[in-house]
Amino acid sequence: MKHLLICIVFFTIANNVVSQELVVNKIKSELSRNVKKDTDTSNYNWKQGGSYNFNLSQSSLSNWAAGGDNFNMSFNSYFNYFAYFKKPRHGWDNNLDVNLGFVQSTSQGGRKNDDRFDFLSKYGYKIDTIGKMYLSALFNFRSQVFDGYSFSGTTSTFTSSLLSPAYLILSAGVDYKPNKELSIFFSPLTSRNTIVLNSKLSALGKYGVAPGKHVYKETGLFLTVNYSNTISPNIMYRGRADFFSNYYEKPENINLYMTNFFSFKINKHFTASYSLDLMYDDKIRIFGPLKKSPGLQLKSIIGIGYFKSLQVKKSLLKPKAV
């Protein structure tokens, strides 16, 4: 009995020693293990990505009593690409939006229903300690690529072309970024140029440019608000609103340019999309019986099609060894 008790005590002590040694060894291995750093951090220099969307719709009629085009097909596309550069006190945001749409019907033939090329570049230098205020400079260029026409019955009127019109904005001001989704840029000193290179449109004095001239220059106050966010796992929104007031000509008549794009994910490859563009320019007179009144311009497009997000790439630029 005495020998049995001694064996039990010895076994218990040995078991505890082995268990403690295993725990100690495990702790040592955890401490010495190389931890792989997560590459998805905010300590990047360049961040690049984007998305594209294609929508296609078609309809055809045969012996349809209610009437309509025998054949109608429309194609719309949207492409976005961004490249952001960031260092401790510097930020450089670049964004490109391209929209293109085309409609083919038996009654009016082929024509575009969407055409926009929009590039925005903004550099900022942080001027506060929390990283929300930047002293910034902004460049924006916006135009279209193909000829455009307005239709009244069977009559078409030539209205736009490459660089006719085009809008060029150069601005210096302050950029407020409370979070990664929102940016509010304000400038008391902005140069806005309206360009009409096409000789036919220039001779008609379109888009506020004097007849025979190709450029109309303005100086004034500028405000732009940019917002982009994934509202839910299946809903994405991108929006921008620009406001401009000419110091020397009717400053109370504020020009507005606003874009909105919603994407509603259906499955891995297909989405429903909705875009709404609004524009008001006091110098563009296209309303009223004599086409001499300005008004709010609207463009709305709904579609279902293929959507793809480009892979976001982040890169860290390391200084070269001396």
C-alpha atoms as a PDB file:
ATOM      1  CA  MET A   1       0.000   0.000   0.000  1.00  0.00           C
ATOM      2  CA  LYS A   2       2.850   2.362   0.848  1.00  0.00           C
ATOM      3  CA  HIS A   3       4.518   1.666  -2.495  1.00  0.00           C
ATOM      4  CA  LEU A   4       1.200   2.259  -4.314  1.00  0.00           C
ATOM      5  CA  LEU A   5       0.768   5.706  -2.730  1.00  0.00           C
ATOM      6  CA  ILE A   6       4.347   6.633  -3.645  1.00  0.00           C
ATOM      7  CA  CYS A   7       3.714   5.623  -7.279  1.00  0.00           C
ATOM      8  CA  ILE A   8       0.487   7.678  -7.445  1.00  0.00           C
ATOM      9  CA  VAL A   9       2.206  10.809  -6.032  1.00  0.00           C
ATOM     10  CA  PHE A  10       5.172  10.368  -8.393  1.00  0.00           C
ATOM     11  CA  PHE A  11       2.858   9.957 -11.414  1.00  0.00           C
ATOM     12  CA  THR A  12       0.840  13.066 -10.485  1.00  0.00           C
ATOM     13  CA  ILE A  13       3.974  15.227 -10.109  1.00  0.00           C
ATOM     14  CA  ALA A  14       5.449  13.945 -13.364  1.00  0.00           C
ATOM     15  CA  ASN A  15       2.210  14.578 -15.238  1.00  0.00           C
ATOM     16  CA  ASN A  16       2.021  18.174 -13.967  1.00  0.00           C
ATOM     17  CA  VAL A  17       5.639  18.807 -14.926  1.00  0.00           C
ATOM     18  CA  VAL A  18       5.105  17.480 -18.461  1.00  0.00           C
ATOM     19  CA  SER A  19       1.911  19.544 -18.878  1.00  0.00           C
ATOM     20  CA  GLN A  20       3.630  22.735 -17.706  1.00  0.00           C
ATOM     21  CA  GLU A  21       6.562  22.058 -20.025  1.00  0.00           C
ATOM     22  CA  LEU A  22       4.170  21.676 -22.983  1.00  0.00           C
ATOM     23  CA  VAL A  23       2.450  24.975 -22.126  1.00  0.00           C
ATOM     24  CA  VAL A  24       5.818  26.763 -21.787  1.00  0.00           C
ATOM     25  CA  ASN A  25       7.030  25.356 -25.106  1.00  0.00           C
ATOM     26  CA  LYS A  26       3.808  26.431 -26.802  1.00  0.00           C
ATOM     27  CA  ILE A  27       4.176  29.983 -25.467  1.00  0.00           C
ATOM     28  CA  LYS A  28       7.787  30.089 -26.677  1.00  0.00           C
ATOM     29  CA  SER A  29       6.758  28.952 -30.148  1.00  0.00           C
ATOM     30  CA  GLU A  30       4.024  31.580 -30.335  1.00  0.00           C
ATOM     31  CA  LEU A  31       6.445  34.302 -29.274  1.00  0.00           C
ATOM     32  CA  SER A  32       9.074  33.270 -31.783  1.00  0.00           C
ATOM     33  CA  ARG A  33       6.651  32.734 -34.665  1.00  0.00           C
ATOM     34  CA  ASN A  34       6.962  35.202 -37.574  1.00  0.00           C
ATOM     35  CA  VAL A  35       3.720  37.135 -37.908  1.00  0.00           C
ATOM     36  CA  LYS A  36       2.664  37.811 -41.503  1.00  0.00           C
ATOM     37  CA  LYS A  37       1.662  41.443 -41.862  1.00  0.00           C
ATOM     38  CA  ASP A  38      -1.685  42.285 -43.389  1.00  0.00           C
ATOM     39  CA  THR A  39      -1.131  44.027 -46.694  1.00  0.00           C
ATOM     40  CA  ASP A  40      -4.539  45.705 -46.568  1.00  0.00           C
ATOM     41  CA  THR A  41      -3.525  48.617 -44.360  1.00  0.00           C
ATOM     42  CA  SER A  42      -3.692  52.367 -44.761  1.00  0.00           C
ATOM     43  CA  ASN A  43       0.090  52.680 -45.065  1.00  0.00           C
ATOM     44  CA  TYR A  44       0.091  52.654 -48.865  1.00  0.00           C
ATOM     45  CA  ASN A  45       1.348  55.143 -51.425  1.00  0.00           C
ATOM     46  CA  TRP A  46      -0.855  54.148 -54.377  1.00  0.00           C
ATOM     47  CA  LYS A  47      -4.346  52.669 -54.367  1.00  0.00           C
ATOM     48  CA  GLN A  48      -5.919  51.797 -57.744  1.00  0.00           C
ATOM     49  CA  GLY A  49      -9.207  50.242 -58.781  1.00  0.00           C
ATOM     50  CA  GLY A  50     -12.536  50.849 -60.477  1.00  0.00           C
ATOM     51  CA  SER A  51     -15.541  49.196 -62.091  1.00  0.00           C
ATOM     52  CA  TYR A  52     -17.400  48.829 -65.364  1.00  0.00           C
ATOM     53  CA  ASN A  53     -21.004  48.116 -66.270  1.00  0.00           C
ATOM     54  CA  PHE A  54     -22.712  47.035 -69.542  1.00  0.00           C
ATOM     55  CA  ASN A  55     -26.478  47.094 -70.132  1.00  0.00           C
ATOM     56  CA  LEU A  56     -28.252  45.803 -73.238  1.00  0.00           C
ATOM     57  CA  SER A  57     -31.969  45.854 -74.013  1.00  0.00           C
ATOM     58  CA  GLN A  58     -33.947  44.908 -77.127  1.00  0.00           C
ATOM     59  CA  SER A  59     -37.585  44.923 -78.202  1.00  0.00           C
ATOM     60  CA  SER A  60     -39.401  43.961 -81.413  1.00  0.00           C
ATOM     61  CA  LEU A  61     -43.022  44.158 -82.587  1.00  0.00           C
ATOM     62  CA  SER A  62     -44.960  42.261 -85.226  1.00  0.00           C
ATOM     63  CA  ASN A  63     -48.584  43.115 -86.070  1.00  0.00           C
ATOM     64  CA  TRP A  64     -48.876  44.983 -82.769  1.00  0.00           C
ATOM     65  CA  ALA A  65     -52.144  46.944 -82.809  1.00  0.00           C
ATOM     66  CA  ALA A  66     -51.041  49.532 -80.232  1.00  0.00           C
ATOM     67  CA  GLY A  67     -48.163  50.550 -82.493  1.00  0.00           C
ATOM     68  CA  GLY A  68     -44.513  51.282 -81.816  1.00  0.00           C
ATOM     69  CA  ASP A  69     -41.115  50.665 -83.362  1.00  0.00           C
ATOM     70  CA  ASN A  70     -40.790  47.290 -85.046  1.00  0.00           C
ATOM     71  CA  PHE A  71     -37.284  47.027 -83.645  1.00  0.00           C
ATOM     72  CA  ASN A  72     -35.493  48.854 -80.858  1.00  0.00           C
ATOM     73  CA  MET A  73     -32.124  48.090 -79.259  1.00  0.00           C
ATOM     74  CA  SER A  74     -30.157  50.118 -76.731  1.00  0.00           C
ATOM     75  CA  PHE A  75     -26.702  49.720 -75.254  1.00  0.00           C
ATOM     76  CA  ASN A  76     -25.329  51.608 -72.251  1.00  0.00           C
ATOM     77  CA  SER A  77     -21.977  51.345 -70.521  1.00  0.00           C
ATOM     78  CA  TYR A  78     -20.229  52.938 -67.566  1.00  0.00           C
ATOM     79  CA  PHE A  79     -16.530  52.796 -66.712  1.00  0.00           C
ATOM     80  CA  ASN A  80     -14.771  54.190 -63.641  1.00  0.00           C
ATOM     81  CA  TYR A  81     -11.102  54.105 -62.726  1.00  0.00           C
ATOM     82  CA  PHE A  82      -9.374  55.729 -59.763  1.00  0.00           C
ATOM     83  CA  ALA A  83      -5.777  56.117 -58.600  1.00  0.00           C
ATOM     84  CA  TYR A  84      -5.097  57.601 -55.155  1.00  0.00           C
ATOM     85  CA  PHE A  85      -1.686  58.582 -53.810  1.00  0.00           C
ATOM     86  CA  LYS A  86      -1.133  59.149 -50.091  1.00  0.00           C
ATOM     87  CA  LYS A  87       1.757  60.071 -47.837  1.00  0.00           C
ATOM     88  CA  PRO A  88       1.714  61.436 -44.266  1.00  0.00           C
ATOM     89  CA  ARG A  89       0.908  65.021 -45.329  1.00  0.00           C
ATOM     90  CA  HIS A  90       0.170  64.626 -49.046  1.00  0.00           C
ATOM     91  CA  GLY A  91      -2.799  63.311 -50.995  1.00  0.00           C
ATOM     92  CA  TRP A  92      -3.422  63.080 -54.736  1.00  0.00           C
ATOM     93  CA  ASP A  93      -6.804  61.796 -55.984  1.00  0.00           C
ATOM     94  CA  ASN A  94      -7.388  60.930 -59.659  1.00  0.00           C
ATOM     95  CA  ASN A  95     -10.742  59.752 -60.995  1.00  0.00           C
ATOM     96  CA  LEU A  96     -11.974  58.958 -64.525  1.00  0.00           C
ATOM     97  CA  ASP A  97     -15.625  58.379 -65.504  1.00  0.00           C
ATOM     98  CA  VAL A  98     -16.687  57.364 -69.018  1.00  0.00           C
ATOM     99  CA  ASN A  99     -20.337  56.888 -70.066  1.00  0.00           C
ATOM    100  CA  LEU A 100     -21.440  55.722 -73.506  1.00  0.00           C
ATOM    101  CA  GLY A 101     -24.909  54.786 -74.752  1.00  0.00           C
ATOM    102  CA  PHE A 102     -26.414  54.027 -78.165  1.00  0.00           C
ATOM    103  CA  VAL A 103     -29.970  53.451 -79.405  1.00  0.00           C
ATOM    104  CA  GLN A 104     -31.034  51.840 -82.695  1.00  0.00           C
ATOM    105  CA  SER A 105     -34.686  51.977 -83.783  1.00  0.00           C
ATOM    106  CA  THR A 106     -36.616  51.558 -87.023  1.00  0.00           C
ATOM    107  CA  SER A 107     -38.212  55.032 -86.827  1.00  0.00           C
ATOM    108  CA  GLN A 108     -35.195  57.226 -86.038  1.00  0.00           C
ATOM    109  CA  GLY A 109     -32.221  55.035 -86.902  1.00  0.00           C
ATOM    110  CA  GLY A 110     -29.109  55.067 -84.722  1.00  0.00           C
ATOM    111  CA  ARG A 111     -28.241  57.790 -82.219  1.00  0.00           C
ATOM    112  CA  LYS A 112     -26.434  58.164 -78.932  1.00  0.00           C
ATOM    113  CA  ASN A 113     -28.307  58.583 -75.662  1.00  0.00           C
ATOM    114  CA  ASP A 114     -25.299  58.933 -73.349  1.00  0.00           C
ATOM    115  CA  ASP A 115     -21.786  60.248 -73.941  1.00  0.00           C
ATOM    116  CA  ARG A 116     -19.519  61.627 -71.222  1.00  0.00           C
ATOM    117  CA  PHE A 117     -15.799  61.780 -70.542  1.00  0.00           C
ATOM    118  CA  ASP A 118     -14.948  63.208 -67.111  1.00  0.00           C
ATOM    119  CA  PHE A 119     -11.484  63.372 -65.533  1.00  0.00           C
ATOM    120  CA  LEU A 120     -10.843  64.924 -62.112  1.00  0.00           C
ATOM    121  CA  SER A 121      -7.470  65.302 -60.396  1.00  0.00           C
ATOM    122  CA  LYS A 122      -7.006  66.851 -56.959  1.00  0.00           C
ATOM    123  CA  TYR A 123      -3.816  67.348 -54.944  1.00  0.00           C
ATOM    124  CA  GLY A 124      -3.894  68.267 -51.260  1.00  0.00           C
ATOM    125  CA  TYR A 125      -1.460  69.118 -48.465  1.00  0.00           C
ATOM    126  CA  LYS A 126      -2.650  68.409 -44.926  1.00  0.00           C
ATOM    127  CA  ILE A 127      -2.874  71.563 -42.805  1.00  0.00           C
ATOM    128  CA  ASP A 128      -4.353  70.197 -39.561  1.00  0.00           C
ATOM    129  CA  THR A 129      -3.271  67.610 -37.007  1.00  0.00           C
ATOM    130  CA  ILE A 130      -6.175  65.176 -37.468  1.00  0.00           C
ATOM    131  CA  GLY A 131      -5.863  64.858 -41.250  1.00  0.00           C
ATOM    132  CA  LYS A 132      -9.249  66.207 -42.350  1.00  0.00           C
ATOM    133  CA  MET A 133      -8.325  69.586 -43.876  1.00  0.00           C
ATOM    134  CA  TYR A 134      -6.133  69.917 -46.966  1.00  0.00           C
ATOM    135  CA  LEU A 135      -4.868  72.923 -48.877  1.00  0.00           C
ATOM    136  CA  SER A 136      -5.682  71.729 -52.395  1.00  0.00           C
ATOM    137  CA  ALA A 137      -5.504  72.359 -56.124  1.00  0.00           C
ATOM    138  CA  LEU A 138      -8.067  70.849 -58.510  1.00  0.00           C
ATOM    139  CA  PHE A 139      -8.178  70.110 -62.239  1.00  0.00           C
ATOM    140  CA  ASN A 140     -11.326  68.910 -63.999  1.00  0.00           C
ATOM    141  CA  PHE A 141     -11.967  68.238 -67.684  1.00  0.00           C
ATOM    142  CA  ARG A 142     -15.328  67.131 -69.054  1.00  0.00           C
ATOM    143  CA  SER A 143     -16.536  66.590 -72.617  1.00  0.00           C
ATOM    144  CA  GLN A 144     -17.980  63.967 -74.979  1.00  0.00           C
ATOM    145  CA  VAL A 145     -16.615  61.961 -77.905  1.00  0.00           C
ATOM    146  CA  PHE A 146     -19.286  61.541 -80.603  1.00  0.00           C
ATOM    147  CA  ASP A 147     -21.617  63.899 -82.458  1.00  0.00           C
ATOM    148  CA  GLY A 148     -24.950  64.545 -80.774  1.00  0.00           C
ATOM    149  CA  TYR A 149     -28.367  65.527 -82.169  1.00  0.00           C
ATOM    150  CA  SER A 150     -31.696  66.622 -80.764  1.00  0.00           C
ATOM    151  CA  PHE A 151     -34.828  65.196 -82.395  1.00  0.00           C
ATOM    152  CA  SER A 152     -38.232  66.730 -83.069  1.00  0.00           C
ATOM    153  CA  GLY A 153     -40.397  64.299 -85.002  1.00  0.00           C
ATOM    154  CA  THR A 154     -38.335  63.289 -88.007  1.00  0.00           C
ATOM    155  CA  THR A 155     -36.135  66.415 -87.847  1.00  0.00           C
ATOM    156  CA  SER A 156     -32.690  66.226 -86.248  1.00  0.00           C
ATOM    157  CA  THR A 157     -30.546  69.156 -85.148  1.00  0.00           C
ATOM    158  CA  PHE A 158     -26.786  68.997 -84.664  1.00  0.00           C
ATOM    159  CA  THR A 159     -26.039  69.940 -81.035  1.00  0.00           C
ATOM    160  CA  SER A 160     -22.643  68.637 -79.886  1.00  0.00           C
ATOM    161  CA  SER A 161     -19.363  67.106 -80.975  1.00  0.00           C
ATOM    162  CA  LEU A 162     -15.893  66.240 -79.690  1.00  0.00           C
ATOM    163  CA  LEU A 163     -14.731  69.149 -77.467  1.00  0.00           C
ATOM    164  CA  SER A 164     -17.931  71.010 -78.325  1.00  0.00           C
ATOM    165  CA  PRO A 165     -18.730  71.659 -75.617  1.00  0.00           C
ATOM    166  CA  ALA A 166     -15.915  70.885 -73.203  1.00  0.00           C
ATOM    167  CA  TYR A 167     -15.466  72.268 -69.701  1.00  0.00           C
ATOM    168  CA  LEU A 168     -12.094  72.928 -68.088  1.00  0.00           C
ATOM    169  CA  ILE A 169     -11.820  73.918 -64.412  1.00  0.00           C
ATOM    170  CA  LEU A 170      -8.668  75.008 -62.581  1.00  0.00           C
ATOM    171  CA  SER A 171      -9.163  75.737 -58.904  1.00  0.00           C
ATOM    172  CA  ALA A 172      -7.312  76.364 -55.622  1.00  0.00           C
ATOM    173  CA  GLY A 173      -8.953  76.025 -52.228  1.00  0.00           C
ATOM    174  CA  VAL A 174      -9.545  73.863 -49.164  1.00  0.00           C
ATOM    175  CA  ASP A 175     -10.611  70.219 -49.188  1.00  0.00           C
ATOM    176  CA  TYR A 176     -12.437  68.776 -46.167  1.00  0.00           C
ATOM    177  CA  LYS A 177     -12.387  64.962 -45.800  1.00  0.00           C
ATOM    178  CA  PRO A 178     -14.230  63.880 -42.634  1.00  0.00           C
ATOM    179  CA  ASN A 179     -14.046  60.214 -43.701  1.00  0.00           C
ATOM    180  CA  LYS A 180     -12.973  58.073 -46.636  1.00  0.00           C
ATOM    181  CA  GLU A 181     -16.408  58.271 -48.300  1.00  0.00           C
ATOM    182  CA  LEU A 182     -16.896  62.067 -48.376  1.00  0.00           C
ATOM    183  CA  SER A 183     -14.913  64.992 -49.777  1.00  0.00           C
ATOM    184  CA  ILE A 184     -16.008  68.659 -49.791  1.00  0.00           C
ATOM    185  CA  PHE A 185     -13.815  71.026 -51.808  1.00  0.00           C
ATOM    186  CA  PHE A 186     -14.350  74.807 -51.617  1.00  0.00           C
ATOM    187  CA  SER A 187     -12.518  77.400 -53.684  1.00  0.00           C
ATOM    188  CA  PRO A 188     -12.928  81.195 -53.714  1.00  0.00           C
ATOM    189  CA  LEU A 189     -10.673  81.404 -56.787  1.00  0.00           C
ATOM    190  CA  THR A 190     -11.605  79.238 -59.772  1.00  0.00           C
ATOM    191  CA  SER A 191     -11.117  79.532 -63.529  1.00  0.00           C
ATOM    192  CA  ARG A 192     -13.866  77.890 -65.594  1.00  0.00           C
ATOM    193  CA  ASN A 193     -13.504  77.646 -69.368  1.00  0.00           C
ATOM    194  CA  THR A 194     -16.252  76.590 -71.780  1.00  0.00           C
ATOM    195  CA  ILE A 195     -14.816  75.323 -75.071  1.00  0.00           C
ATOM    196  CA  VAL A 196     -16.633  74.953 -78.415  1.00  0.00           C
ATOM    197  CA  LEU A 197     -14.158  73.890 -81.107  1.00  0.00           C
ATOM    198  CA  ASN A 198     -16.688  72.917 -83.775  1.00  0.00           C
ATOM    199  CA  SER A 199     -17.010  75.790 -86.267  1.00  0.00           C
ATOM    200  CA  LYS A 200     -20.738  75.214 -86.947  1.00  0.00           C
ATOM    201  CA  LEU A 201     -21.675  75.284 -83.271  1.00  0.00           C
ATOM    202  CA  SER A 202     -19.316  78.200 -82.617  1.00  0.00           C
ATOM    203  CA  ALA A 203     -20.954  80.259 -85.374  1.00  0.00           C
ATOM    204  CA  LEU A 204     -24.342  79.738 -83.675  1.00  0.00           C
ATOM    205  CA  GLY A 205     -23.031  80.978 -80.309  1.00  0.00           C
ATOM    206  CA  LYS A 206     -23.846  77.753 -78.500  1.00  0.00           C
ATOM    207  CA  TYR A 207     -23.195  77.051 -74.783  1.00  0.00           C
ATOM    208  CA  GLY A 208     -22.632  80.696 -73.878  1.00  0.00           C
ATOM    209  CA  VAL A 209     -19.623  81.148 -76.159  1.00  0.00           C
ATOM    210  CA  ALA A 210     -19.864  84.287 -78.319  1.00  0.00           C
ATOM    211  CA  PRO A 211     -20.588  83.600 -82.030  1.00  0.00           C
ATOM    212  CA  GLY A 212     -17.354  82.956 -83.885  1.00  0.00           C
ATOM    213  CA  LYS A 213     -15.395  82.415 -80.664  1.00  0.00           C
ATOM    214  CA  HIS A 214     -14.229  79.078 -79.299  1.00  0.00           C
ATOM    215  CA  VAL A 215     -13.605  79.732 -75.588  1.00  0.00           C
ATOM    216  CA  TYR A 216     -15.576  81.512 -72.882  1.00  0.00           C
ATOM    217  CA  LYS A 217     -13.617  82.227 -69.684  1.00  0.00           C
ATOM    218  CA  GLU A 218     -15.130  82.771 -66.247  1.00  0.00           C
ATOM    219  CA  THR A 219     -13.727  83.438 -62.771  1.00  0.00           C
ATOM    220  CA  GLY A 220     -15.695  82.711 -59.662  1.00  0.00           C
ATOM    221  CA  LEU A 221     -16.508  80.618 -56.600  1.00  0.00           C
ATOM    222  CA  PHE A 222     -16.544  76.828 -56.853  1.00  0.00           C
ATOM    223  CA  LEU A 223     -17.798  74.034 -54.596  1.00  0.00           C
ATOM    224  CA  THR A 224     -17.729  70.308 -55.324  1.00  0.00           C
ATOM    225  CA  VAL A 225     -19.000  67.474 -53.121  1.00  0.00           C
ATOM    226  CA  ASN A 226     -17.929  63.876 -53.847  1.00  0.00           C
ATOM    227  CA  TYR A 227     -19.435  60.868 -52.105  1.00  0.00           C
ATOM    228  CA  SER A 228     -18.885  57.158 -52.689  1.00  0.00           C
ATOM    229  CA  ASN A 229     -20.064  54.356 -50.451  1.00  0.00           C
ATOM    230  CA  THR A 230     -21.198  50.742 -50.355  1.00  0.00           C
ATOM    231  CA  ILE A 231     -24.558  51.287 -48.685  1.00  0.00           C
ATOM    232  CA  SER A 232     -25.088  47.559 -48.170  1.00  0.00           C
ATOM    233  CA  PRO A 233     -23.376  44.399 -49.484  1.00  0.00           C
ATOM    234  CA  ASN A 234     -25.566  44.604 -52.605  1.00  0.00           C
ATOM    235  CA  ILE A 235     -25.953  48.375 -53.108  1.00  0.00           C
ATOM    236  CA  MET A 236     -23.226  50.788 -54.212  1.00  0.00           C
ATOM    237  CA  TYR A 237     -23.546  54.560 -54.765  1.00  0.00           C
ATOM    238  CA  ARG A 238     -21.279  57.175 -56.355  1.00  0.00           C
ATOM    239  CA  GLY A 239     -22.284  60.821 -56.506  1.00  0.00           C
ATOM    240  CA  ARG A 240     -20.862  64.246 -57.237  1.00  0.00           C
ATOM    241  CA  ALA A 241     -22.290  67.775 -57.208  1.00  0.00           C
ATOM    242  CA  ASP A 242     -20.509  70.861 -58.613  1.00  0.00           C
ATOM    243  CA  PHE A 243     -21.614  74.446 -57.982  1.00  0.00           C
ATOM    244  CA  PHE A 244     -20.105  77.507 -59.696  1.00  0.00           C
ATOM    245  CA  SER A 245     -20.854  81.227 -59.415  1.00  0.00           C
ATOM    246  CA  ASN A 246     -19.397  83.787 -61.832  1.00  0.00           C
ATOM    247  CA  TYR A 247     -18.113  86.845 -59.920  1.00  0.00           C
ATOM    248  CA  TYR A 248     -18.544  89.227 -62.866  1.00  0.00           C
ATOM    249  CA  GLU A 249     -21.782  88.103 -64.535  1.00  0.00           C
ATOM    250  CA  LYS A 250     -24.946  87.356 -62.558  1.00  0.00           C
ATOM    251  CA  PRO A 251     -23.268  85.706 -59.551  1.00  0.00           C
ATOM    252  CA  GLU A 252     -26.701  84.804 -58.154  1.00  0.00           C
ATOM    253  CA  ASN A 253     -27.252  82.402 -61.083  1.00  0.00           C
ATOM    254  CA  ILE A 254     -25.365  79.365 -59.812  1.00  0.00           C
ATOM    255  CA  ASN A 255     -24.396  76.695 -62.325  1.00  0.00           C
ATOM    256  CA  LEU A 256     -25.095  73.121 -61.243  1.00  0.00           C
ATOM    257  CA  TYR A 257     -23.657  69.845 -62.470  1.00  0.00           C
ATOM    258  CA  MET A 258     -24.601  66.659 -60.601  1.00  0.00           C
ATOM    259  CA  THR A 259     -24.126  62.936 -61.277  1.00  0.00           C
ATOM    260  CA  ASN A 260     -25.617  59.978 -59.398  1.00  0.00           C
ATOM    261  CA  PHE A 261     -24.958  56.286 -60.016  1.00  0.00           C
ATOM    262  CA  PHE A 262     -26.552  53.374 -58.142  1.00  0.00           C
ATOM    263  CA  SER A 263     -25.627  49.725 -58.591  1.00  0.00           C
ATOM    264  CA  PHE A 264     -27.893  46.979 -57.204  1.00  0.00           C
ATOM    265  CA  LYS A 265     -26.197  43.573 -57.192  1.00  0.00           C
ATOM    266  CA  ILE A 266     -28.350  40.659 -58.388  1.00  0.00           C
ATOM    267  CA  ASN A 267     -25.735  37.924 -58.331  1.00  0.00           C
ATOM    268  CA  LYS A 268     -22.005  37.528 -58.895  1.00  0.00           C
ATOM    269  CA  HIS A 269     -21.986  38.960 -62.420  1.00  0.00           C
ATOM    270  CA  PHE A 270     -25.256  40.842 -62.994  1.00  0.00           C
ATOM    271  CA  THR A 271     -26.613  44.058 -61.511  1.00  0.00           C
ATOM    272  CA  ALA A 272     -29.378  46.565 -61.979  1.00  0.00           C
ATOM    273  CA  SER A 273     -28.132  50.131 -62.341  1.00  0.00           C
ATOM    274  CA  TYR A 274     -29.661  53.594 -62.236  1.00  0.00           C
ATOM    275  CA  SER A 275     -27.975  56.844 -63.209  1.00  0.00           C
ATOM    276  CA  LEU A 276     -29.360  60.364 -62.878  1.00  0.00           C
ATOM    277  CA  ASP A 277     -27.549  63.453 -64.170  1.00  0.00           C
ATOM    278  CA  LEU A 278     -28.707  67.023 -63.547  1.00  0.00           C
ATOM    279  CA  MET A 279     -27.318  70.178 -65.121  1.00  0.00           C
ATOM    280  CA  TYR A 280     -28.235  73.856 -65.001  1.00  0.00           C
ATOM    281  CA  ASP A 281     -26.311  76.565 -66.823  1.00  0.00           C
ATOM    282  CA  ASP A 282     -27.801  80.039 -67.212  1.00  0.00           C
ATOM    283  CA  LYS A 283     -25.983  80.509 -70.524  1.00  0.00           C
ATOM    284  CA  ILE A 284     -27.471  77.402 -72.180  1.00  0.00           C
ATOM    285  CA  ARG A 285     -30.800  78.535 -73.643  1.00  0.00           C
ATOM    286  CA  ILE A 286     -32.729  75.535 -74.957  1.00  0.00           C
ATOM    287  CA  PHE A 287     -36.202  75.945 -73.421  1.00  0.00           C
ATOM    288  CA  GLY A 288     -39.291  77.939 -74.339  1.00  0.00           C
ATOM    289  CA  PRO A 289     -41.003  78.542 -77.694  1.00  0.00           C
ATOM    290  CA  LEU A 290     -37.989  80.440 -79.054  1.00  0.00           C
ATOM    291  CA  LYS A 291     -35.338  78.353 -77.264  1.00  0.00           C
ATOM    292  CA  LYS A 292     -34.119  81.415 -75.362  1.00  0.00           C
ATOM    293  CA  SER A 293     -34.665  80.342 -71.761  1.00  0.00           C
ATOM    294  CA  PRO A 294     -32.388  78.314 -69.462  1.00  0.00           C
ATOM    295  CA  GLY A 295     -33.717  75.329 -67.562  1.00  0.00           C
ATOM    296  CA  LEU A 296     -32.800  72.263 -65.562  1.00  0.00           C
ATOM    297  CA  GLN A 297     -31.499  69.453 -67.780  1.00  0.00           C
ATOM    298  CA  LEU A 298     -32.138  65.863 -66.699  1.00  0.00           C
ATOM    299  CA  LYS A 299     -30.830  62.531 -67.931  1.00  0.00           C
ATOM    300  CA  SER A 300     -32.030  59.262 -66.382  1.00  0.00           C
ATOM    301  CA  ILE A 301     -31.009  55.719 -67.401  1.00  0.00           C
ATOM    302  CA  ILE A 302     -32.142  52.397 -65.903  1.00  0.00           C
ATOM    303  CA  GLY A 303     -30.657  49.084 -66.952  1.00  0.00           C
ATOM    304  CA  ILE A 304     -29.852  45.499 -66.051  1.00  0.00           C
ATOM    305  CA  GLY A 305     -26.599  44.019 -67.221  1.00  0.00           C
ATOM    306  CA  TYR A 306     -23.083  42.857 -66.494  1.00  0.00           C
ATOM    307  CA  PHE A 307     -21.120  44.574 -63.726  1.00  0.00           C
ATOM    308  CA  LYS A 308     -17.512  44.034 -62.700  1.00  0.00           C
ATOM    309  CA  SER A 309     -15.391  45.645 -60.004  1.00  0.00           C
ATOM    310  CA  LEU A 310     -11.734  45.952 -60.861  1.00  0.00           C
ATOM    311  CA  GLN A 311      -9.377  44.516 -58.289  1.00  0.00           C
ATOM    312  CA  VAL A 312      -8.127  47.170 -55.898  1.00  0.00           C
ATOM    313  CA  LYS A 313      -4.338  47.316 -55.914  1.00  0.00           C
ATOM    314  CA  LYS A 314      -2.227  48.909 -53.219  1.00  0.00           C
ATOM    315  CA  SER A 315       1.481  49.548 -53.486  1.00  0.00           C
ATOM    316  CA  LEU A 316       4.099  50.962 -51.146  1.00  0.00           C
ATOM    317  CA  LEU A 317       6.953  52.915 -52.676  1.00  0.00           C
ATOM    318  CA  LYS A 318      10.097  52.288 -50.651  1.00  0.00           C
ATOM    319  CA  PRO A 319      13.024  54.735 -50.742  1.00  0.00           C
ATOM    320  CA  LYS A 320      16.023  53.572 -52.720  1.00  0.00           C
ATOM    321  CA  ALA A 321      19.084  52.498 -50.755  1.00  0.00           C
ATOM    322  CA  VAL A 322      22.002  54.876 -51.006  1.00  0.00           C
END
